[in-house]
Structures are given as structure tokens and as C-alpha cells.
Amino acid sequence: MLKARRVAMQIGPLFEILDESAFISVECVGPERFGKAREYLERRMHHDYSFTDTASFVVMRELRIESALTADHRFQEAGFSVLLG
């Protein structure tokens, strides 16, 4: 997103902050999580969820994360607390 917003010079420092943070972890969506996210999306086609949304929901539930730093109403629809709203 930073690159798309023409502030590419901030990408390096951002990754350094993320790498050094004790409060942030990078989670990969491997084959098992991918399958769960796909199933979640297919069962809820009546919602306006993207695959990225459903992959996030799967990982958050697995890690027992209850709140999201977002204003995106889709997270609230999925049962999470949204912290920006």
C-alpha cells in the first residue's frame, strides 16, 4: 500500500519496525489455512467478504484474537471487535 501511495522510501523503515517489534508477528497462510479460508468464504457468499478478509478471520480465530485494528465493518459482522470506528 505504501508503494501504491508513492511513499516507497518508507517501506524499508516500516519493515524494520515490524521485524523488531515484540508485539507483531507475521503469520503465513499455508495450505491448511487457505482451505479453511476458502470454506469460510464459500459458506458465507451472502456477505461482502474478500478472500483476504476470510483468511484474516481464520488466522485471528486460530490465535484467539478478538479485536481488529480496523474500521472495516466486515470484521464486526464476523464476530470481532473493531477498534477504529
Protein backbone atom coordinates (compact mmCIF):
# COMPACT_ATOMS: atom_id res chain seq x y z
CA MET A 1 0.00 0.00 0.00
CA LEU A 2 2.86 2.36 0.74
CA LYS A 3 4.31 1.74 -2.70
CA ALA A 4 0.95 2.40 -4.33
CA ARG A 5 0.71 5.68 -2.44
CA ARG A 6 4.10 6.80 -3.76
CA VAL A 7 5.93 6.69 -0.47
CA ALA A 8 8.15 3.74 -1.34
CA MET A 9 11.06 5.18 0.64
CA GLN A 10 9.10 4.37 3.83
CA ILE A 11 8.84 0.65 3.09
CA GLY A 12 12.30 -0.26 4.40
CA PRO A 13 11.92 1.53 7.75
CA LEU A 14 8.42 0.09 8.16
CA PHE A 15 9.70 -3.47 7.72
CA GLU A 16 12.49 -2.79 10.20
CA ILE A 17 9.95 -1.65 12.80
CA LEU A 18 7.79 -4.71 12.14
CA ASP A 19 10.77 -7.07 12.37
CA GLU A 20 11.94 -5.57 15.68
CA SER A 21 8.53 -5.37 17.35
CA ALA A 22 7.73 -7.77 20.15
CA PHE A 23 4.04 -7.09 19.56
CA ILE A 24 3.77 -8.02 15.89
CA SER A 25 4.13 -11.41 14.28
CA VAL A 26 3.83 -12.30 10.63
CA GLU A 27 1.52 -15.24 10.03
CA CYS A 28 1.61 -17.22 6.81
CA VAL A 29 -1.46 -18.68 5.17
CA GLY A 30 -0.32 -22.15 4.19
CA PRO A 31 -2.41 -24.86 2.56
CA GLU A 32 -4.45 -25.68 5.70
CA ARG A 33 -5.39 -22.08 6.47
CA PHE A 34 -6.01 -21.45 2.77
CA GLY A 35 -8.51 -24.31 2.72
CA LYS A 36 -10.27 -23.06 5.85
CA ALA A 37 -10.48 -19.52 4.45
CA ARG A 38 -11.89 -20.83 1.19
CA GLU A 39 -14.53 -22.88 3.02
CA TYR A 40 -15.43 -19.90 5.21
CA LEU A 41 -15.85 -17.70 2.13
CA GLU A 42 -17.89 -20.30 0.25
CA ARG A 43 -20.28 -20.76 3.21
CA ARG A 44 -20.81 -17.03 3.53
CA MET A 45 -21.24 -15.87 -0.05
CA HIS A 46 -24.14 -13.66 1.07
CA HIS A 47 -21.59 -11.43 2.86
CA ASP A 48 -19.33 -8.97 1.11
CA TYR A 49 -16.15 -10.72 2.31
CA SER A 50 -12.98 -10.91 0.29
CA PHE A 51 -10.67 -13.91 0.47
CA THR A 52 -8.20 -11.71 2.37
CA ASP A 53 -10.94 -10.98 4.92
CA THR A 54 -11.74 -14.65 5.43
CA ALA A 55 -8.05 -15.61 5.67
CA SER A 56 -7.70 -12.94 8.36
CA PHE A 57 -10.73 -14.31 10.22
CA VAL A 58 -9.30 -17.84 10.15
CA VAL A 59 -5.91 -16.76 11.49
CA MET A 60 -7.44 -14.47 14.12
CA ARG A 61 -9.72 -17.22 15.41
CA GLU A 62 -6.86 -19.71 15.47
CA LEU A 63 -4.74 -17.27 17.50
CA ARG A 64 -7.72 -16.28 19.68
CA ILE A 65 -7.54 -12.65 18.62
CA GLU A 66 -10.83 -10.94 19.43
CA SER A 67 -10.21 -7.37 18.22
CA ALA A 68 -9.01 -5.89 14.96
CA LEU A 69 -7.30 -2.54 14.45
CA THR A 70 -9.69 -1.60 11.68
CA ALA A 71 -12.87 0.30 10.96
CA ASP A 72 -13.95 -2.39 8.48
CA HIS A 73 -17.49 -3.46 9.40
CA ARG A 74 -16.86 -6.91 7.93
CA PHE A 75 -14.75 -7.82 10.95
CA GLN A 76 -17.63 -6.87 13.23
CA GLU A 77 -20.02 -8.95 11.10
CA ALA A 78 -17.63 -11.88 11.57
CA GLY A 79 -17.78 -11.50 15.34
CA PHE A 80 -14.70 -9.43 16.10
CA SER A 81 -14.48 -6.13 17.92
CA VAL A 82 -13.30 -3.28 15.70
CA LEU A 83 -11.05 -0.76 17.40
CA LEU A 84 -11.42 2.06 14.88
CA GLY A 85 -14.91 3.09 14.24
